[in-house]
Amino acid sequence: MNCPLCSTDGGLVVARTSKFRIVRVVEGDEAQRFPAFYRLIWAEHVAEFSDLPDTDRHACMDAVTGIERALRSLLAPTKVNLASLGNVVPHLHWHVIARFEGDSHFPAPVWAEPRRVAQLPDLDLGAVDAAIAQGASTSATR
């Protein structure tokens, strides 16, 4: 199997538990256009959310919710996008992306063609990373 999410971290690791890791996308076009772009990547190689047992599905969605809450409370984005696609990389992972009216694609999806040059607010991603890490460690001890 040649799965990039099994063989690499997939970004800057913000938090790691026995079940998943949370990374901030820091390389490539996505990182430039959407600096508050996070992924929750399931540790075990599974392709679909429904492959997880009930307790793991709940833990996964609790963590995705924690990421969204951190983004909303610290960055006040216009919208937060959630997606679990996996067509190219069939390894369970969730995209959690803070969107702003001034981003290059808003209100279109992040995978659409850009509409304008981005004008983003200053973002304290270090504070977001810390809040996400704190939330993941708290949920891992439940």
N, C-alpha and C. Protein backbone atom coordinates (compact mmCIF):
# COMPACT_ATOMS: atom_id res chain seq x y z
N MET A 1 0.85 -1.18 0.00
CA MET A 1 0.00 0.00 0.00
C MET A 1 0.90 1.24 0.00
N ASN A 2 0.55 2.20 -0.82
CA ASN A 2 1.31 3.43 -0.93
C ASN A 2 0.42 4.60 -0.51
N CYS A 3 0.14 4.69 0.79
CA CYS A 3 -0.75 5.72 1.29
C CYS A 3 0.07 6.85 1.90
N PRO A 4 -0.04 8.06 1.35
CA PRO A 4 0.75 9.17 1.89
C PRO A 4 0.37 9.54 3.33
N LEU A 5 -0.86 9.25 3.76
CA LEU A 5 -1.24 9.58 5.13
C LEU A 5 -0.82 8.50 6.12
N CYS A 6 -0.40 7.34 5.60
CA CYS A 6 0.19 6.30 6.46
C CYS A 6 1.70 6.50 6.58
N SER A 7 2.31 7.06 5.54
CA SER A 7 3.77 7.16 5.51
C SER A 7 4.31 8.54 5.90
N THR A 8 3.45 9.56 5.94
CA THR A 8 3.88 10.90 6.35
C THR A 8 2.84 11.48 7.31
N ASP A 9 3.22 12.53 8.00
CA ASP A 9 2.27 13.19 8.91
C ASP A 9 1.18 13.94 8.16
N GLY A 10 1.47 14.42 6.96
CA GLY A 10 0.47 15.13 6.18
C GLY A 10 0.35 16.60 6.49
N GLY A 11 1.29 17.14 7.22
CA GLY A 11 1.27 18.56 7.59
C GLY A 11 1.99 18.76 8.90
N LEU A 12 1.88 19.96 9.43
CA LEU A 12 2.47 20.30 10.72
C LEU A 12 1.60 19.70 11.82
N VAL A 13 2.14 18.76 12.57
CA VAL A 13 1.35 18.08 13.60
C VAL A 13 1.08 19.06 14.74
N VAL A 14 -0.19 19.26 15.01
CA VAL A 14 -0.65 20.14 16.08
C VAL A 14 -1.00 19.31 17.32
N ALA A 15 -1.54 18.11 17.08
CA ALA A 15 -1.91 17.21 18.18
C ALA A 15 -1.86 15.79 17.65
N ARG A 16 -1.55 14.87 18.57
CA ARG A 16 -1.53 13.45 18.21
C ARG A 16 -2.09 12.66 19.38
N THR A 17 -3.05 11.80 19.10
CA THR A 17 -3.56 10.88 20.11
C THR A 17 -3.36 9.46 19.57
N SER A 18 -3.78 8.48 20.33
CA SER A 18 -3.65 7.11 19.85
C SER A 18 -4.60 6.83 18.68
N LYS A 19 -5.63 7.64 18.51
CA LYS A 19 -6.63 7.40 17.46
C LYS A 19 -6.46 8.28 16.22
N PHE A 20 -5.91 9.47 16.38
CA PHE A 20 -5.83 10.40 15.26
C PHE A 20 -4.73 11.43 15.51
N ARG A 21 -4.42 12.16 14.44
CA ARG A 21 -3.56 13.33 14.57
C ARG A 21 -4.26 14.49 13.89
N ILE A 22 -3.94 15.69 14.35
CA ILE A 22 -4.47 16.90 13.75
C ILE A 22 -3.29 17.67 13.21
N VAL A 23 -3.37 18.04 11.95
CA VAL A 23 -2.29 18.77 11.31
C VAL A 23 -2.82 20.06 10.72
N ARG A 24 -1.93 21.04 10.65
CA ARG A 24 -2.22 22.26 9.88
C ARG A 24 -1.50 22.12 8.56
N VAL A 25 -2.20 22.40 7.48
CA VAL A 25 -1.61 22.34 6.14
C VAL A 25 -0.67 23.54 6.01
N VAL A 26 0.61 23.26 5.78
CA VAL A 26 1.61 24.33 5.73
C VAL A 26 2.39 24.37 4.41
N GLU A 27 2.11 23.45 3.52
CA GLU A 27 2.82 23.42 2.24
C GLU A 27 1.84 23.45 1.09
N GLY A 28 2.28 23.99 -0.02
CA GLY A 28 1.48 23.98 -1.24
C GLY A 28 0.51 25.13 -1.34
N ASP A 29 -0.25 25.11 -2.44
CA ASP A 29 -1.20 26.18 -2.74
C ASP A 29 -2.27 26.32 -1.67
N GLU A 30 -2.76 25.19 -1.14
CA GLU A 30 -3.81 25.25 -0.13
C GLU A 30 -3.36 26.07 1.07
N ALA A 31 -2.13 25.87 1.51
CA ALA A 31 -1.61 26.59 2.68
C ALA A 31 -1.50 28.08 2.40
N GLN A 32 -1.15 28.44 1.18
CA GLN A 32 -1.03 29.86 0.83
C GLN A 32 -2.39 30.53 0.75
N ARG A 33 -3.34 29.84 0.15
CA ARG A 33 -4.67 30.44 -0.06
C ARG A 33 -5.55 30.38 1.19
N PHE A 34 -5.34 29.32 2.01
CA PHE A 34 -6.20 29.09 3.18
C PHE A 34 -5.31 28.74 4.37
N PRO A 35 -4.73 29.74 5.02
CA PRO A 35 -3.76 29.47 6.07
C PRO A 35 -4.33 28.74 7.29
N ALA A 36 -5.62 28.84 7.53
CA ALA A 36 -6.23 28.15 8.67
C ALA A 36 -6.94 26.89 8.16
N PHE A 37 -6.15 26.02 7.53
CA PHE A 37 -6.62 24.77 6.92
C PHE A 37 -6.04 23.64 7.75
N TYR A 38 -6.92 22.91 8.42
CA TYR A 38 -6.52 21.80 9.30
C TYR A 38 -7.09 20.51 8.76
N ARG A 39 -6.44 19.42 9.14
CA ARG A 39 -6.95 18.08 8.83
C ARG A 39 -6.87 17.22 10.08
N LEU A 40 -7.93 16.47 10.31
CA LEU A 40 -7.88 15.40 11.29
C LEU A 40 -7.66 14.13 10.49
N ILE A 41 -6.61 13.41 10.79
CA ILE A 41 -6.24 12.20 10.05
C ILE A 41 -6.32 11.02 11.00
N TRP A 42 -7.15 10.05 10.66
CA TRP A 42 -7.30 8.87 11.50
C TRP A 42 -6.01 8.06 11.45
N ALA A 43 -5.56 7.56 12.60
CA ALA A 43 -4.27 6.87 12.69
C ALA A 43 -4.29 5.54 11.94
N GLU A 44 -5.34 4.77 12.14
CA GLU A 44 -5.46 3.48 11.47
C GLU A 44 -5.91 3.72 10.04
N HIS A 45 -5.40 2.91 9.12
CA HIS A 45 -5.80 3.06 7.72
C HIS A 45 -7.19 2.47 7.52
N VAL A 46 -8.17 3.35 7.45
CA VAL A 46 -9.53 2.98 7.07
C VAL A 46 -9.96 3.97 5.99
N ALA A 47 -10.81 3.51 5.10
CA ALA A 47 -11.20 4.36 3.99
C ALA A 47 -12.44 5.20 4.29
N GLU A 48 -13.36 4.67 5.06
CA GLU A 48 -14.65 5.33 5.24
C GLU A 48 -14.96 5.57 6.70
N PHE A 49 -15.65 6.66 6.97
CA PHE A 49 -16.08 7.01 8.32
C PHE A 49 -16.92 5.88 8.92
N SER A 50 -17.75 5.25 8.11
CA SER A 50 -18.61 4.17 8.59
C SER A 50 -17.83 2.90 8.92
N ASP A 51 -16.54 2.84 8.59
CA ASP A 51 -15.70 1.70 8.98
C ASP A 51 -15.36 1.73 10.47
N LEU A 52 -15.53 2.89 11.10
CA LEU A 52 -15.17 3.03 12.51
C LEU A 52 -16.27 2.49 13.42
N PRO A 53 -15.88 1.88 14.54
CA PRO A 53 -16.88 1.53 15.54
C PRO A 53 -17.52 2.80 16.13
N ASP A 54 -18.67 2.64 16.75
CA ASP A 54 -19.42 3.79 17.28
C ASP A 54 -18.56 4.70 18.14
N THR A 55 -17.81 4.15 19.07
CA THR A 55 -17.03 5.00 19.99
C THR A 55 -15.97 5.80 19.23
N ASP A 56 -15.36 5.19 18.23
CA ASP A 56 -14.36 5.91 17.43
C ASP A 56 -15.00 6.98 16.56
N ARG A 57 -16.18 6.70 16.00
CA ARG A 57 -16.87 7.72 15.21
C ARG A 57 -17.21 8.93 16.07
N HIS A 58 -17.65 8.66 17.29
CA HIS A 58 -17.97 9.77 18.19
C HIS A 58 -16.70 10.56 18.55
N ALA A 59 -15.61 9.85 18.84
CA ALA A 59 -14.35 10.52 19.17
C ALA A 59 -13.86 11.37 18.00
N CYS A 60 -14.00 10.84 16.80
CA CYS A 60 -13.58 11.57 15.59
C CYS A 60 -14.38 12.85 15.43
N MET A 61 -15.69 12.75 15.53
CA MET A 61 -16.52 13.95 15.34
C MET A 61 -16.38 14.93 16.49
N ASP A 62 -16.14 14.43 17.70
CA ASP A 62 -15.87 15.35 18.81
C ASP A 62 -14.61 16.16 18.53
N ALA A 63 -13.58 15.50 17.97
CA ALA A 63 -12.34 16.20 17.66
C ALA A 63 -12.54 17.20 16.52
N VAL A 64 -13.28 16.81 15.49
CA VAL A 64 -13.58 17.74 14.39
C VAL A 64 -14.33 18.96 14.93
N THR A 65 -15.28 18.71 15.81
CA THR A 65 -16.03 19.80 16.44
C THR A 65 -15.11 20.70 17.25
N GLY A 66 -14.15 20.11 17.95
CA GLY A 66 -13.19 20.90 18.72
C GLY A 66 -12.34 21.80 17.84
N ILE A 67 -11.93 21.30 16.70
CA ILE A 67 -11.16 22.13 15.75
C ILE A 67 -12.02 23.30 15.28
N GLU A 68 -13.26 22.99 14.90
CA GLU A 68 -14.15 24.05 14.42
C GLU A 68 -14.37 25.10 15.50
N ARG A 69 -14.58 24.66 16.72
CA ARG A 69 -14.81 25.62 17.81
C ARG A 69 -13.59 26.52 18.03
N ALA A 70 -12.40 25.94 17.97
CA ALA A 70 -11.19 26.74 18.15
C ALA A 70 -11.07 27.78 17.04
N LEU A 71 -11.33 27.38 15.80
CA LEU A 71 -11.27 28.31 14.69
C LEU A 71 -12.28 29.44 14.86
N ARG A 72 -13.49 29.09 15.24
CA ARG A 72 -14.54 30.10 15.39
C ARG A 72 -14.24 31.06 16.53
N SER A 73 -13.76 30.53 17.65
CA SER A 73 -13.56 31.41 18.80
C SER A 73 -12.33 32.29 18.65
N LEU A 74 -11.29 31.80 17.98
CA LEU A 74 -10.05 32.57 17.90
C LEU A 74 -9.89 33.38 16.61
N LEU A 75 -10.54 32.96 15.54
CA LEU A 75 -10.35 33.66 14.26
C LEU A 75 -11.61 34.34 13.74
N ALA A 76 -12.77 33.99 14.28
CA ALA A 76 -14.05 34.54 13.82
C ALA A 76 -14.18 34.52 12.30
N PRO A 77 -14.04 33.34 11.68
CA PRO A 77 -14.19 33.28 10.23
C PRO A 77 -15.63 33.51 9.81
N THR A 78 -15.80 33.81 8.55
CA THR A 78 -17.15 33.97 7.99
C THR A 78 -17.87 32.63 8.02
N LYS A 79 -17.14 31.56 7.76
CA LYS A 79 -17.70 30.20 7.70
C LYS A 79 -16.58 29.22 7.95
N VAL A 80 -16.92 28.03 8.45
CA VAL A 80 -15.96 26.93 8.55
C VAL A 80 -16.46 25.82 7.64
N ASN A 81 -15.58 25.36 6.75
CA ASN A 81 -15.93 24.26 5.86
C ASN A 81 -15.42 22.95 6.44
N LEU A 82 -16.26 21.93 6.37
CA LEU A 82 -15.89 20.57 6.77
C LEU A 82 -16.06 19.67 5.57
N ALA A 83 -15.09 18.78 5.36
CA ALA A 83 -15.20 17.85 4.24
C ALA A 83 -14.42 16.58 4.55
N SER A 84 -14.99 15.47 4.12
CA SER A 84 -14.30 14.20 4.17
C SER A 84 -14.49 13.57 2.80
N LEU A 85 -13.47 13.69 1.96
CA LEU A 85 -13.60 13.24 0.59
C LEU A 85 -12.87 11.92 0.37
N GLY A 86 -11.57 11.97 0.29
CA GLY A 86 -10.78 10.76 0.17
C GLY A 86 -10.81 10.08 -1.18
N ASN A 87 -11.18 10.81 -2.22
CA ASN A 87 -11.17 10.21 -3.55
C ASN A 87 -9.75 9.96 -4.04
N VAL A 88 -8.86 10.87 -3.77
CA VAL A 88 -7.46 10.74 -4.20
C VAL A 88 -6.67 9.95 -3.17
N VAL A 89 -6.90 10.22 -1.89
CA VAL A 89 -6.21 9.51 -0.80
C VAL A 89 -7.29 8.82 0.03
N PRO A 90 -7.54 7.52 -0.23
CA PRO A 90 -8.61 6.82 0.47
C PRO A 90 -8.22 6.40 1.88
N HIS A 91 -7.90 7.39 2.69
CA HIS A 91 -7.55 7.21 4.10
C HIS A 91 -8.41 8.22 4.85
N LEU A 92 -9.14 7.77 5.85
CA LEU A 92 -10.09 8.64 6.53
C LEU A 92 -9.40 9.89 7.08
N HIS A 93 -9.85 11.03 6.59
CA HIS A 93 -9.38 12.32 7.10
C HIS A 93 -10.46 13.36 6.84
N TRP A 94 -10.52 14.32 7.75
CA TRP A 94 -11.48 15.42 7.66
C TRP A 94 -10.73 16.72 7.43
N HIS A 95 -11.22 17.51 6.50
CA HIS A 95 -10.71 18.86 6.26
C HIS A 95 -11.55 19.81 7.10
N VAL A 96 -10.90 20.70 7.84
CA VAL A 96 -11.59 21.72 8.62
C VAL A 96 -10.92 23.04 8.25
N ILE A 97 -11.65 23.89 7.54
CA ILE A 97 -11.04 25.06 6.91
C ILE A 97 -11.80 26.33 7.29
N ALA A 98 -11.09 27.26 7.92
CA ALA A 98 -11.67 28.57 8.21
C ALA A 98 -11.73 29.37 6.92
N ARG A 99 -12.91 29.90 6.62
CA ARG A 99 -13.11 30.68 5.40
C ARG A 99 -13.44 32.12 5.76
N PHE A 100 -12.96 33.02 4.94
CA PHE A 100 -13.15 34.44 5.16
C PHE A 100 -13.66 35.07 3.86
N GLU A 101 -14.49 36.11 3.99
CA GLU A 101 -15.01 36.78 2.79
C GLU A 101 -13.88 37.27 1.89
N GLY A 102 -12.74 37.59 2.46
CA GLY A 102 -11.62 38.08 1.66
C GLY A 102 -10.72 37.01 1.11
N ASP A 103 -11.05 35.72 1.31
CA ASP A 103 -10.16 34.70 0.74
C ASP A 103 -10.36 34.65 -0.77
N SER A 104 -9.43 34.04 -1.45
CA SER A 104 -9.39 34.09 -2.91
C SER A 104 -10.56 33.38 -3.59
N HIS A 105 -11.27 32.54 -2.86
CA HIS A 105 -12.32 31.73 -3.47
C HIS A 105 -13.73 32.01 -2.94
N PHE A 106 -13.83 32.70 -1.81
CA PHE A 106 -15.12 32.84 -1.13
C PHE A 106 -16.16 33.52 -2.03
N PRO A 107 -17.37 33.03 -2.11
CA PRO A 107 -17.97 31.96 -1.33
C PRO A 107 -17.87 30.58 -1.99
N ALA A 108 -17.12 30.47 -3.06
CA ALA A 108 -16.99 29.18 -3.75
C ALA A 108 -16.17 28.20 -2.91
N PRO A 109 -16.24 26.91 -3.22
CA PRO A 109 -15.44 25.92 -2.49
C PRO A 109 -13.94 26.16 -2.68
N VAL A 110 -13.17 25.66 -1.75
CA VAL A 110 -11.72 25.85 -1.82
C VAL A 110 -11.11 25.20 -3.05
N TRP A 111 -11.78 24.22 -3.64
CA TRP A 111 -11.24 23.53 -4.80
C TRP A 111 -11.70 24.15 -6.11
N ALA A 112 -12.48 25.23 -6.05
CA ALA A 112 -12.92 25.93 -7.26
C ALA A 112 -11.79 26.83 -7.76
N GLU A 113 -12.04 27.51 -8.85
CA GLU A 113 -11.09 28.48 -9.37
C GLU A 113 -11.12 29.73 -8.49
N PRO A 114 -9.96 30.36 -8.26
CA PRO A 114 -9.95 31.60 -7.47
C PRO A 114 -10.77 32.69 -8.16
N ARG A 115 -11.33 33.56 -7.34
CA ARG A 115 -12.15 34.67 -7.85
C ARG A 115 -11.43 36.00 -7.75
N ARG A 116 -10.44 36.08 -6.87
CA ARG A 116 -9.79 37.37 -6.60
C ARG A 116 -8.47 37.11 -5.89
N VAL A 117 -7.68 38.16 -5.73
CA VAL A 117 -6.49 38.10 -4.89
C VAL A 117 -6.97 38.15 -3.45
N ALA A 118 -6.47 37.26 -2.64
CA ALA A 118 -6.92 37.17 -1.24
C ALA A 118 -6.52 38.41 -0.45
N GLN A 119 -7.40 38.81 0.43
CA GLN A 119 -7.13 39.86 1.41
C GLN A 119 -7.60 39.29 2.75
N LEU A 120 -6.67 38.63 3.42
CA LEU A 120 -7.00 37.94 4.66
C LEU A 120 -6.59 38.77 5.87
N PRO A 121 -7.32 38.61 6.97
CA PRO A 121 -6.92 39.28 8.21
C PRO A 121 -5.65 38.64 8.76
N ASP A 122 -4.99 39.31 9.68
CA ASP A 122 -3.86 38.70 10.38
C ASP A 122 -4.41 37.57 11.24
N LEU A 123 -3.81 36.41 11.15
CA LEU A 123 -4.30 35.23 11.85
C LEU A 123 -3.24 34.73 12.82
N ASP A 124 -3.60 34.58 14.08
CA ASP A 124 -2.68 34.04 15.09
C ASP A 124 -2.85 32.52 15.12
N LEU A 125 -2.20 31.86 14.16
CA LEU A 125 -2.35 30.41 14.03
C LEU A 125 -1.66 29.66 15.16
N GLY A 126 -0.66 30.26 15.79
CA GLY A 126 -0.03 29.63 16.94
C GLY A 126 -1.03 29.45 18.08
N ALA A 127 -1.86 30.45 18.30
CA ALA A 127 -2.90 30.35 19.34
C ALA A 127 -3.93 29.29 18.97
N VAL A 128 -4.28 29.22 17.70
CA VAL A 128 -5.24 28.21 17.24
C VAL A 128 -4.64 26.81 17.43
N ASP A 129 -3.38 26.64 17.01
CA ASP A 129 -2.71 25.35 17.18
C ASP A 129 -2.73 24.92 18.65
N ALA A 130 -2.41 25.85 19.55
CA ALA A 130 -2.37 25.54 20.98
C ALA A 130 -3.75 25.15 21.50
N ALA A 131 -4.79 25.87 21.07
CA ALA A 131 -6.15 25.55 21.52
C ALA A 131 -6.59 24.18 20.99
N ILE A 132 -6.25 23.89 19.76
CA ILE A 132 -6.61 22.59 19.18
C ILE A 132 -5.87 21.48 19.92
N ALA A 133 -4.59 21.67 20.19
CA ALA A 133 -3.81 20.67 20.92
C ALA A 133 -4.40 20.44 22.31
N GLN A 134 -4.75 21.51 22.99
CA GLN A 134 -5.36 21.39 24.33
C GLN A 134 -6.67 20.61 24.26
N GLY A 135 -7.49 20.94 23.28
CA GLY A 135 -8.77 20.24 23.13
C GLY A 135 -8.59 18.78 22.81
N ALA A 136 -7.63 18.45 21.96
CA ALA A 136 -7.39 17.04 21.62
C ALA A 136 -6.88 16.26 22.82
N SER A 137 -6.01 16.86 23.62
CA SER A 137 -5.49 16.15 24.79
C SER A 137 -6.58 15.96 25.83
N THR A 138 -7.47 16.93 25.94
CA THR A 138 -8.58 16.82 26.89
C THR A 138 -9.54 15.72 26.45
N SER A 139 -9.87 15.68 25.17
CA SER A 139 -10.81 14.67 24.69
C SER A 139 -10.18 13.27 24.72
N ALA A 140 -8.86 13.18 24.58
CA ALA A 140 -8.22 11.87 24.61
C ALA A 140 -8.23 11.24 25.99
N THR A 141 -8.37 12.07 27.03
CA THR A 141 -8.37 11.54 28.39
C THR A 141 -9.76 11.20 28.89
N ARG A 142 -10.80 11.42 28.08
CA ARG A 142 -12.16 11.10 28.49
C ARG A 142 -12.42 9.63 28.45
